[in-house]
């Protein structure tokens, strides 16, 4: 039986770093993490989904969707949620190369 490192398994199952399939997987994973962070922060503040929804002006169902699938959410909504939870948010933007091509 052949063994694989974590990196080798990821390359085989998800695709190599930089491929569209791998980029999409990593993007979706980050969105899932945002939802999990919202849920954790909400619970630490002892708020129900309904109470958090009331704080930002949305329904409980929208908070549930956000916590379980943050794919169709705006940055504005995420910022409102974390502001209501009194949580600090940091975004990191990193330029990958020095070239910008204009078509």
PDB file of N, CA and C in Angstrom:
ATOM      1  N   UNK A   1       0.840  -1.173   0.000  1.00  0.00           N
ATOM      2  CA  UNK A   1       0.000   0.000   0.000  1.00  0.00           C
ATOM      3  C   UNK A   1       0.891   1.244   0.000  1.00  0.00           C
ATOM      4  N   UNK A   2       0.615   2.140  -0.921  1.00  0.00           N
ATOM      5  CA  UNK A   2       1.385   3.373  -1.023  1.00  0.00           C
ATOM      6  C   UNK A   2       0.830   4.414  -0.061  1.00  0.00           C
ATOM      7  N   UNK A   3       1.718   5.146   0.593  1.00  0.00           N
ATOM      8  CA  UNK A   3       1.292   6.229   1.472  1.00  0.00           C
ATOM      9  C   UNK A   3       1.584   7.560   0.788  1.00  0.00           C
ATOM     10  N   UNK A   4       0.784   8.568   1.151  1.00  0.00           N
ATOM     11  CA  UNK A   4       0.912   9.892   0.565  1.00  0.00           C
ATOM     12  C   UNK A   4       1.031  10.927   1.674  1.00  0.00           C
ATOM     13  N   UNK A   5       1.783  11.974   1.400  1.00  0.00           N
ATOM     14  CA  UNK A   5       1.814  13.104   2.322  1.00  0.00           C
ATOM     15  C   UNK A   5       0.498  13.871   2.140  1.00  0.00           C
ATOM     16  N   UNK A   6       0.190  14.755   3.076  1.00  0.00           N
ATOM     17  CA  UNK A   6      -1.021  15.562   2.958  1.00  0.00           C
ATOM     18  C   UNK A   6      -0.999  16.373   1.669  1.00  0.00           C
ATOM     19  N   UNK A   7       0.133  16.959   1.347  1.00  0.00           N
ATOM     20  CA  UNK A   7       0.248  17.773   0.133  1.00  0.00           C
ATOM     21  C   UNK A   7       0.021  16.930  -1.118  1.00  0.00           C
ATOM     22  N   UNK A   8       0.585  15.720  -1.139  1.00  0.00           N
ATOM     23  CA  UNK A   8       0.386  14.838  -2.290  1.00  0.00           C
ATOM     24  C   UNK A   8      -1.080  14.437  -2.430  1.00  0.00           C
ATOM     25  N   UNK A   9      -1.717  14.131  -1.314  1.00  0.00           N
ATOM     26  CA  UNK A   9      -3.133  13.746  -1.347  1.00  0.00           C
ATOM     27  C   UNK A   9      -3.995  14.905  -1.839  1.00  0.00           C
ATOM     28  N   UNK A  10      -3.701  16.119  -1.364  1.00  0.00           N
ATOM     29  CA  UNK A  10      -4.459  17.283  -1.823  1.00  0.00           C
ATOM     30  C   UNK A  10      -4.271  17.491  -3.322  1.00  0.00           C
ATOM     31  N   UNK A  11      -3.037  17.377  -3.796  1.00  0.00           N
ATOM     32  CA  UNK A  11      -2.776  17.534  -5.230  1.00  0.00           C
ATOM     33  C   UNK A  11      -3.557  16.506  -6.043  1.00  0.00           C
ATOM     34  N   UNK A  12      -3.613  15.267  -5.562  1.00  0.00           N
ATOM     35  CA  UNK A  12      -4.314  14.207  -6.281  1.00  0.00           C
ATOM     36  C   UNK A  12      -5.830  14.382  -6.236  1.00  0.00           C
ATOM     37  N   UNK A  13      -6.358  14.709  -5.071  1.00  0.00           N
ATOM     38  CA  UNK A  13      -7.806  14.751  -4.892  1.00  0.00           C
ATOM     39  C   UNK A  13      -8.441  16.087  -5.257  1.00  0.00           C
ATOM     40  N   UNK A  14      -7.722  17.181  -5.033  1.00  0.00           N
ATOM     41  CA  UNK A  14      -8.300  18.520  -5.239  1.00  0.00           C
ATOM     42  C   UNK A  14      -7.686  19.204  -6.452  1.00  0.00           C
ATOM     43  N   UNK A  15      -6.448  18.910  -6.732  1.00  0.00           N
ATOM     44  CA  UNK A  15      -5.725  19.552  -7.825  1.00  0.00           C
ATOM     45  C   UNK A  15      -4.513  20.279  -7.281  1.00  0.00           C
ATOM     46  N   UNK A  16      -3.568  20.512  -8.138  1.00  0.00           N
ATOM     47  CA  UNK A  16      -2.347  21.200  -7.731  1.00  0.00           C
ATOM     48  C   UNK A  16      -2.635  22.676  -7.432  1.00  0.00           C
ATOM     49  N   UNK A  17      -1.797  23.265  -6.575  1.00  0.00           N
ATOM     50  CA  UNK A  17      -1.927  24.681  -6.224  1.00  0.00           C
ATOM     51  C   UNK A  17      -1.854  25.514  -7.494  1.00  0.00           C
ATOM     52  N   UNK A  18      -2.772  26.462  -7.625  1.00  0.00           N
ATOM     53  CA  UNK A  18      -2.788  27.335  -8.789  1.00  0.00           C
ATOM     54  C   UNK A  18      -3.730  26.880  -9.892  1.00  0.00           C
ATOM     55  N   UNK A  19      -4.263  25.672  -9.792  1.00  0.00           N
ATOM     56  CA  UNK A  19      -5.213  25.217 -10.800  1.00  0.00           C
ATOM     57  C   UNK A  19      -6.600  25.765 -10.447  1.00  0.00           C
ATOM     58  N   UNK A  20      -7.457  25.955 -11.441  1.00  0.00           N
ATOM     59  CA  UNK A  20      -8.798  26.484 -11.154  1.00  0.00           C
ATOM     60  C   UNK A  20      -9.575  25.645 -10.132  1.00  0.00           C
ATOM     61  N   UNK A  21      -9.477  24.350 -10.224  1.00  0.00           N
ATOM     62  CA  UNK A  21     -10.203  23.472  -9.299  1.00  0.00           C
ATOM     63  C   UNK A  21      -9.721  23.669  -7.860  1.00  0.00           C
ATOM     64  N   UNK A  22      -8.419  23.753  -7.669  1.00  0.00           N
ATOM     65  CA  UNK A  22      -7.848  23.948  -6.334  1.00  0.00           C
ATOM     66  C   UNK A  22      -8.187  25.338  -5.797  1.00  0.00           C
ATOM     67  N   UNK A  23      -8.097  26.351  -6.664  1.00  0.00           N
ATOM     68  CA  UNK A  23      -8.439  27.716  -6.247  1.00  0.00           C
ATOM     69  C   UNK A  23      -9.897  27.794  -5.793  1.00  0.00           C
ATOM     70  N   UNK A  24     -10.805  27.151  -6.524  1.00  0.00           N
ATOM     71  CA  UNK A  24     -12.223  27.151  -6.165  1.00  0.00           C
ATOM     72  C   UNK A  24     -12.441  26.448  -4.839  1.00  0.00           C
ATOM     73  N   UNK A  25     -11.772  25.320  -4.641  1.00  0.00           N
ATOM     74  CA  UNK A  25     -11.885  24.580  -3.383  1.00  0.00           C
ATOM     75  C   UNK A  25     -11.426  25.448  -2.207  1.00  0.00           C
ATOM     76  N   UNK A  26     -10.288  26.095  -2.339  1.00  0.00           N
ATOM     77  CA  UNK A  26      -9.742  26.913  -1.251  1.00  0.00           C
ATOM     78  C   UNK A  26     -10.624  28.127  -0.977  1.00  0.00           C
ATOM     79  N   UNK A  27     -11.213  28.703  -2.026  1.00  0.00           N
ATOM     80  CA  UNK A  27     -12.125  29.828  -1.858  1.00  0.00           C
ATOM     81  C   UNK A  27     -13.358  29.393  -1.071  1.00  0.00           C
ATOM     82  N   UNK A  28     -13.946  28.270  -1.443  1.00  0.00           N
ATOM     83  CA  UNK A  28     -15.129  27.769  -0.751  1.00  0.00           C
ATOM     84  C   UNK A  28     -14.810  27.380   0.690  1.00  0.00           C
ATOM     85  N   UNK A  29     -13.627  26.859   0.922  1.00  0.00           N
ATOM     86  CA  UNK A  29     -13.216  26.508   2.278  1.00  0.00           C
ATOM     87  C   UNK A  29     -13.135  27.764   3.155  1.00  0.00           C
ATOM     88  N   UNK A  30     -12.601  28.837   2.599  1.00  0.00           N
ATOM     89  CA  UNK A  30     -12.507  30.094   3.352  1.00  0.00           C
ATOM     90  C   UNK A  30     -13.896  30.626   3.684  1.00  0.00           C
ATOM     91  N   UNK A  31     -14.837  30.483   2.757  1.00  0.00           N
ATOM     92  CA  UNK A  31     -16.202  30.928   3.031  1.00  0.00           C
ATOM     93  C   UNK A  31     -16.837  30.099   4.141  1.00  0.00           C
ATOM     94  N   UNK A  32     -16.568  28.802   4.148  1.00  0.00           N
ATOM     95  CA  UNK A  32     -17.082  27.947   5.219  1.00  0.00           C
ATOM     96  C   UNK A  32     -16.491  28.372   6.563  1.00  0.00           C
ATOM     97  N   UNK A  33     -15.230  28.744   6.567  1.00  0.00           N
ATOM     98  CA  UNK A  33     -14.587  29.188   7.802  1.00  0.00           C
ATOM     99  C   UNK A  33     -15.204  30.483   8.314  1.00  0.00           C
ATOM    100  N   UNK A  34     -15.577  31.381   7.415  1.00  0.00           N
ATOM    101  CA  UNK A  34     -16.230  32.625   7.828  1.00  0.00           C
ATOM    102  C   UNK A  34     -17.553  32.298   8.518  1.00  0.00           C
ATOM    103  N   UNK A  35     -18.329  31.403   7.927  1.00  0.00           N
ATOM    104  CA  UNK A  35     -19.589  30.992   8.537  1.00  0.00           C
ATOM    105  C   UNK A  35     -19.383  30.381   9.911  1.00  0.00           C
ATOM    106  N   UNK A  36     -18.364  29.551  10.040  1.00  0.00           N
ATOM    107  CA  UNK A  36     -18.064  28.926  11.334  1.00  0.00           C
ATOM    108  C   UNK A  36     -17.635  29.969  12.355  1.00  0.00           C
ATOM    109  N   UNK A  37     -16.873  30.981  11.919  1.00  0.00           N
ATOM    110  CA  UNK A  37     -16.447  32.039  12.841  1.00  0.00           C
ATOM    111  C   UNK A  37     -17.641  32.849  13.330  1.00  0.00           C
ATOM    112  N   UNK A  38     -18.581  33.115  12.437  1.00  0.00           N
ATOM    113  CA  UNK A  38     -19.784  33.859  12.822  1.00  0.00           C
ATOM    114  C   UNK A  38     -20.570  33.059  13.863  1.00  0.00           C
ATOM    115  N   UNK A  39     -20.742  31.776  13.607  1.00  0.00           N
ATOM    116  CA  UNK A  39     -21.486  30.926  14.537  1.00  0.00           C
ATOM    117  C   UNK A  39     -20.806  30.869  15.905  1.00  0.00           C
ATOM    118  N   UNK A  40     -19.495  30.707  15.904  1.00  0.00           N
ATOM    119  CA  UNK A  40     -18.740  30.651  17.162  1.00  0.00           C
ATOM    120  C   UNK A  40     -18.856  31.958  17.933  1.00  0.00           C
ATOM    121  N   UNK A  41     -18.691  33.080  17.233  1.00  0.00           N
ATOM    122  CA  UNK A  41     -18.771  34.391  17.889  1.00  0.00           C
ATOM    123  C   UNK A  41     -20.179  34.635  18.428  1.00  0.00           C
ATOM    124  N   UNK A  42     -21.183  34.240  17.649  1.00  0.00           N
ATOM    125  CA  UNK A  42     -22.572  34.418  18.099  1.00  0.00           C
ATOM    126  C   UNK A  42     -22.835  33.642  19.381  1.00  0.00           C
ATOM    127  N   UNK A  43     -22.362  32.403  19.421  1.00  0.00           N
ATOM    128  CA  UNK A  43     -22.563  31.581  20.611  1.00  0.00           C
ATOM    129  C   UNK A  43     -21.783  32.125  21.805  1.00  0.00           C
ATOM    130  N   UNK A  44     -20.580  32.633  21.572  1.00  0.00           N
ATOM    131  CA  UNK A  44     -19.792  33.221  22.659  1.00  0.00           C
ATOM    132  C   UNK A  44     -20.471  34.456  23.239  1.00  0.00           C
ATOM    133  N   UNK A  45     -21.254  35.146  22.418  1.00  0.00           N
ATOM    134  CA  UNK A  45     -21.994  36.325  22.871  1.00  0.00           C
ATOM    135  C   UNK A  45     -23.368  35.929  23.431  1.00  0.00           C
ATOM    136  N   UNK A  46     -23.643  34.632  23.464  1.00  0.00           N
ATOM    137  CA  UNK A  46     -24.905  34.100  24.000  1.00  0.00           C
ATOM    138  C   UNK A  46     -26.116  34.673  23.276  1.00  0.00           C
ATOM    139  N   UNK A  47     -26.002  34.718  21.940  1.00  0.00           N
ATOM    140  CA  UNK A  47     -27.094  35.201  21.106  1.00  0.00           C
ATOM    141  C   UNK A  47     -27.674  34.052  20.295  1.00  0.00           C
ATOM    142  N   UNK A  48     -28.986  34.093  20.094  1.00  0.00           N
ATOM    143  CA  UNK A  48     -29.610  33.145  19.167  1.00  0.00           C
ATOM    144  C   UNK A  48     -29.461  33.710  17.759  1.00  0.00           C
ATOM    145  N   UNK A  49     -29.739  32.878  16.779  1.00  0.00           N
ATOM    146  CA  UNK A  49     -29.719  33.369  15.402  1.00  0.00           C
ATOM    147  C   UNK A  49     -30.757  34.466  15.221  1.00  0.00           C
ATOM    148  N   UNK A  50     -31.894  34.307  15.862  1.00  0.00           N
ATOM    149  CA  UNK A  50     -32.949  35.311  15.766  1.00  0.00           C
ATOM    150  C   UNK A  50     -32.500  36.641  16.362  1.00  0.00           C
ATOM    151  N   UNK A  51     -31.842  36.604  17.510  1.00  0.00           N
ATOM    152  CA  UNK A  51     -31.364  37.840  18.145  1.00  0.00           C
ATOM    153  C   UNK A  51     -30.314  38.535  17.288  1.00  0.00           C
ATOM    154  N   UNK A  52     -29.383  37.764  16.718  1.00  0.00           N
ATOM    155  CA  UNK A  52     -28.371  38.358  15.849  1.00  0.00           C
ATOM    156  C   UNK A  52     -29.027  38.960  14.614  1.00  0.00           C
ATOM    157  N   UNK A  53     -29.998  38.265  14.064  1.00  0.00           N
ATOM    158  CA  UNK A  53     -30.727  38.789  12.913  1.00  0.00           C
ATOM    159  C   UNK A  53     -31.394  40.114  13.216  1.00  0.00           C
ATOM    160  N   UNK A  54     -31.990  40.216  14.402  1.00  0.00           N
ATOM    161  CA  UNK A  54     -32.638  41.466  14.800  1.00  0.00           C
ATOM    162  C   UNK A  54     -31.620  42.604  14.906  1.00  0.00           C
ATOM    163  N   UNK A  55     -30.420  42.297  15.384  1.00  0.00           N
ATOM    164  CA  UNK A  55     -29.388  43.327  15.521  1.00  0.00           C
ATOM    165  C   UNK A  55     -28.977  43.935  14.183  1.00  0.00           C
ATOM    166  N   UNK A  56     -28.996  43.113  13.129  1.00  0.00           N
ATOM    167  CA  UNK A  56     -28.549  43.627  11.820  1.00  0.00           C
ATOM    168  C   UNK A  56     -29.694  43.795  10.823  1.00  0.00           C
ATOM    169  N   UNK A  57     -30.918  43.471  11.258  1.00  0.00           N
ATOM    170  CA  UNK A  57     -32.074  43.715  10.402  1.00  0.00           C
ATOM    171  C   UNK A  57     -32.359  42.640   9.372  1.00  0.00           C
ATOM    172  N   UNK A  58     -32.079  41.387   9.714  1.00  0.00           N
ATOM    173  CA  UNK A  58     -32.408  40.272   8.815  1.00  0.00           C
ATOM    174  C   UNK A  58     -33.135  39.189   9.610  1.00  0.00           C
ATOM    175  N   UNK A  59     -33.681  38.222   8.892  1.00  0.00           N
ATOM    176  CA  UNK A  59     -34.400  37.129   9.542  1.00  0.00           C
ATOM    177  C   UNK A  59     -33.442  36.053  10.039  1.00  0.00           C
ATOM    178  N   UNK A  60     -33.952  35.258  10.963  1.00  0.00           N
ATOM    179  CA  UNK A  60     -33.189  34.130  11.522  1.00  0.00           C
ATOM    180  C   UNK A  60     -32.691  33.207  10.410  1.00  0.00           C
ATOM    181  N   UNK A  61     -33.539  32.966   9.423  1.00  0.00           N
ATOM    182  CA  UNK A  61     -33.167  32.056   8.336  1.00  0.00           C
ATOM    183  C   UNK A  61     -31.937  32.553   7.581  1.00  0.00           C
ATOM    184  N   UNK A  62     -31.790  33.868   7.463  1.00  0.00           N
ATOM    185  CA  UNK A  62     -30.620  34.417   6.775  1.00  0.00           C
ATOM    186  C   UNK A  62     -29.344  34.219   7.599  1.00  0.00           C
ATOM    187  N   UNK A  63     -29.459  34.308   8.922  1.00  0.00           N
ATOM    188  CA  UNK A  63     -28.300  34.048   9.769  1.00  0.00           C
ATOM    189  C   UNK A  63     -27.917  32.577   9.659  1.00  0.00           C
ATOM    190  N   UNK A  64     -28.907  31.701   9.654  1.00  0.00           N
ATOM    191  CA  UNK A  64     -28.641  30.272   9.513  1.00  0.00           C
ATOM    192  C   UNK A  64     -27.924  29.973   8.197  1.00  0.00           C
ATOM    193  N   UNK A  65     -28.417  30.565   7.108  1.00  0.00           N
ATOM    194  CA  UNK A  65     -27.775  30.367   5.803  1.00  0.00           C
ATOM    195  C   UNK A  65     -26.345  30.873   5.819  1.00  0.00           C
ATOM    196  N   UNK A  66     -26.141  32.023   6.444  1.00  0.00           N
ATOM    197  CA  UNK A  66     -24.811  32.619   6.517  1.00  0.00           C
ATOM    198  C   UNK A  66     -23.850  31.714   7.283  1.00  0.00           C
ATOM    199  N   UNK A  67     -24.308  31.168   8.398  1.00  0.00           N
ATOM    200  CA  UNK A  67     -23.455  30.301   9.208  1.00  0.00           C
ATOM    201  C   UNK A  67     -23.148  28.978   8.515  1.00  0.00           C
ATOM    202  N   UNK A  68     -24.078  28.494   7.709  1.00  0.00           N
ATOM    203  CA  UNK A  68     -23.909  27.188   7.080  1.00  0.00           C
ATOM    204  C   UNK A  68     -23.417  27.235   5.645  1.00  0.00           C
ATOM    205  N   UNK A  69     -23.546  28.378   4.995  1.00  0.00           N
ATOM    206  CA  UNK A  69     -23.125  28.486   3.602  1.00  0.00           C
ATOM    207  C   UNK A  69     -22.982  29.962   3.254  1.00  0.00           C
ATOM    208  N   UNK A  70     -21.802  30.497   3.432  1.00  0.00           N
ATOM    209  CA  UNK A  70     -21.566  31.931   3.230  1.00  0.00           C
ATOM    210  C   UNK A  70     -21.252  32.285   1.779  1.00  0.00           C
ATOM    211  N   UNK A  71     -21.637  31.438   0.837  1.00  0.00           N
ATOM    212  CA  UNK A  71     -21.269  31.678  -0.559  1.00  0.00           C
ATOM    213  C   UNK A  71     -21.925  32.915  -1.162  1.00  0.00           C
ATOM    214  N   UNK A  72     -23.187  33.155  -0.862  1.00  0.00           N
ATOM    215  CA  UNK A  72     -23.899  34.260  -1.497  1.00  0.00           C
ATOM    216  C   UNK A  72     -24.105  35.414  -0.529  1.00  0.00           C
ATOM    217  N   UNK A  73     -23.021  35.925   0.001  1.00  0.00           N
ATOM    218  CA  UNK A  73     -23.109  37.006   0.972  1.00  0.00           C
ATOM    219  C   UNK A  73     -22.148  38.120   0.571  1.00  0.00           C
ATOM    220  N   UNK A  74     -22.527  39.349   0.898  1.00  0.00           N
ATOM    221  CA  UNK A  74     -21.658  40.475   0.568  1.00  0.00           C
ATOM    222  C   UNK A  74     -20.716  40.770   1.735  1.00  0.00           C
ATOM    223  N   UNK A  75     -19.650  41.438   1.428  1.00  0.00           N
ATOM    224  CA  UNK A  75     -18.718  41.863   2.472  1.00  0.00           C
ATOM    225  C   UNK A  75     -19.441  42.793   3.436  1.00  0.00           C
ATOM    226  N   UNK A  76     -20.350  43.613   2.914  1.00  0.00           N
ATOM    227  CA  UNK A  76     -21.110  44.531   3.756  1.00  0.00           C
ATOM    228  C   UNK A  76     -21.894  43.758   4.824  1.00  0.00           C
ATOM    229  N   UNK A  77     -22.524  42.666   4.434  1.00  0.00           N
ATOM    230  CA  UNK A  77     -23.285  41.861   5.395  1.00  0.00           C
ATOM    231  C   UNK A  77     -22.358  41.230   6.423  1.00  0.00           C
ATOM    232  N   UNK A  78     -21.247  40.704   5.970  1.00  0.00           N
ATOM    233  CA  UNK A  78     -20.283  40.103   6.905  1.00  0.00           C
ATOM    234  C   UNK A  78     -19.804  41.143   7.909  1.00  0.00           C
ATOM    235  N   UNK A  79     -19.520  42.345   7.431  1.00  0.00           N
ATOM    236  CA  UNK A  79     -19.060  43.406   8.326  1.00  0.00           C
ATOM    237  C   UNK A  79     -20.150  43.789   9.328  1.00  0.00           C
ATOM    238  N   UNK A  80     -21.407  43.859   8.888  1.00  0.00           N
ATOM    239  CA  UNK A  80     -22.516  44.156   9.793  1.00  0.00           C
ATOM    240  C   UNK A  80     -22.621  43.100  10.888  1.00  0.00           C
ATOM    241  N   UNK A  81     -22.483  41.846  10.499  1.00  0.00           N
ATOM    242  CA  UNK A  81     -22.594  40.753  11.471  1.00  0.00           C
ATOM    243  C   UNK A  81     -21.489  40.858  12.509  1.00  0.00           C
ATOM    244  N   UNK A  82     -20.261  41.001  12.067  1.00  0.00           N
ATOM    245  CA  UNK A  82     -19.156  41.069  13.016  1.00  0.00           C
ATOM    246  C   UNK A  82     -19.218  42.346  13.860  1.00  0.00           C
ATOM    247  N   UNK A  83     -19.722  43.428  13.287  1.00  0.00           N
ATOM    248  CA  UNK A  83     -19.895  44.660  14.065  1.00  0.00           C
ATOM    249  C   UNK A  83     -20.932  44.437  15.167  1.00  0.00           C
ATOM    250  N   UNK A  84     -22.032  43.779  14.830  1.00  0.00           N
ATOM    251  CA  UNK A  84     -23.066  43.482  15.828  1.00  0.00           C
ATOM    252  C   UNK A  84     -22.532  42.560  16.917  1.00  0.00           C
ATOM    253  N   UNK A  85     -21.597  41.684  16.540  1.00  0.00           N
ATOM    254  CA  UNK A  85     -20.993  40.761  17.496  1.00  0.00           C
ATOM    255  C   UNK A  85     -19.827  41.401  18.254  1.00  0.00           C
ATOM    256  N   UNK A  86     -19.555  42.661  17.940  1.00  0.00           N
ATOM    257  CA  UNK A  86     -18.437  43.386  18.550  1.00  0.00           C
ATOM    258  C   UNK A  86     -17.125  42.619  18.363  1.00  0.00           C
ATOM    259  N   UNK A  87     -16.899  42.231  17.112  1.00  0.00           N
ATOM    260  CA  UNK A  87     -15.704  41.477  16.753  1.00  0.00           C
ATOM    261  C   UNK A  87     -14.875  42.295  15.765  1.00  0.00           C
ATOM    262  N   UNK A  88     -13.585  42.237  15.904  1.00  0.00           N
ATOM    263  CA  UNK A  88     -12.662  42.938  15.014  1.00  0.00           C
ATOM    264  C   UNK A  88     -12.402  42.054  13.793  1.00  0.00           C
ATOM    265  N   UNK A  89     -12.442  42.669  12.613  1.00  0.00           N
ATOM    266  CA  UNK A  89     -12.223  41.944  11.361  1.00  0.00           C
ATOM    267  C   UNK A  89     -11.011  42.537  10.661  1.00  0.00           C
ATOM    268  N   UNK A  90     -10.132  41.663  10.183  1.00  0.00           N
ATOM    269  CA  UNK A  90      -8.969  42.091   9.408  1.00  0.00           C
ATOM    270  C   UNK A  90      -8.989  41.387   8.069  1.00  0.00           C
ATOM    271  N   UNK A  91      -8.772  42.140   7.010  1.00  0.00           N
ATOM    272  CA  UNK A  91      -8.628  41.558   5.679  1.00  0.00           C
ATOM    273  C   UNK A  91      -7.191  41.771   5.231  1.00  0.00           C
ATOM    274  N   UNK A  92      -6.634  40.766   4.631  1.00  0.00           N
ATOM    275  CA  UNK A  92      -5.272  40.869   4.133  1.00  0.00           C
ATOM    276  C   UNK A  92      -5.315  40.745   2.612  1.00  0.00           C
ATOM    277  N   UNK A  93      -4.769  41.724   1.934  1.00  0.00           N
ATOM    278  CA  UNK A  93      -4.673  41.695   0.485  1.00  0.00           C
ATOM    279  C   UNK A  93      -3.208  41.565   0.133  1.00  0.00           C
ATOM    280  N   UNK A  94      -2.895  40.565  -0.653  1.00  0.00           N
ATOM    281  CA  UNK A  94      -1.504  40.303  -1.013  1.00  0.00           C
ATOM    282  C   UNK A  94      -1.387  40.242  -2.525  1.00  0.00           C
ATOM    283  N   UNK A  95      -0.569  41.107  -3.091  1.00  0.00           N
ATOM    284  CA  UNK A  95      -0.339  41.078  -4.535  1.00  0.00           C
ATOM    285  C   UNK A  95       0.625  39.949  -4.860  1.00  0.00           C
ATOM    286  N   UNK A  96       0.254  39.135  -5.837  1.00  0.00           N
ATOM    287  CA  UNK A  96       1.027  37.937  -6.137  1.00  0.00           C
ATOM    288  C   UNK A  96       2.202  38.192  -7.080  1.00  0.00           C
ATOM    289  N   UNK A  97       2.100  39.194  -7.927  1.00  0.00           N
ATOM    290  CA  UNK A  97       3.244  39.528  -8.785  1.00  0.00           C
ATOM    291  C   UNK A  97       3.224  41.013  -9.073  1.00  0.00           C
ATOM    292  N   UNK A  98       4.246  41.499  -9.737  1.00  0.00           N
ATOM    293  CA  UNK A  98       4.362  42.934  -9.966  1.00  0.00           C
ATOM    294  C   UNK A  98       3.726  43.396 -11.277  1.00  0.00           C
ATOM    295  N   UNK A  99       3.252  42.472 -12.099  1.00  0.00           N
ATOM    296  CA  UNK A  99       2.734  42.828 -13.406  1.00  0.00           C
ATOM    297  C   UNK A  99       1.226  42.957 -13.392  1.00  0.00           C
ATOM    298  N   UNK A 100       0.734  43.996 -14.037  1.00  0.00           N
ATOM    299  CA  UNK A 100      -0.701  44.158 -14.272  1.00  0.00           C
ATOM    300  C   UNK A 100      -0.870  44.297 -15.761  1.00  0.00           C
ATOM    301  N   UNK A 101      -1.598  43.377 -16.364  1.00  0.00           N
ATOM    302  CA  UNK A 101      -1.815  43.397 -17.807  1.00  0.00           C
ATOM    303  C   UNK A 101      -3.161  44.002 -18.121  1.00  0.00           C
ATOM    304  N   UNK A 102      -3.185  44.942 -19.050  1.00  0.00           N
ATOM    305  CA  UNK A 102      -4.418  45.564 -19.491  1.00  0.00           C
ATOM    306  C   UNK A 102      -4.695  45.103 -20.907  1.00  0.00           C
ATOM    307  N   UNK A 103      -5.856  44.515 -21.103  1.00  0.00           N
ATOM    308  CA  UNK A 103      -6.191  43.969 -22.427  1.00  0.00           C
ATOM    309  C   UNK A 103      -6.629  45.047 -23.358  1.00  0.00           C
TER     310      UNK A 103
END
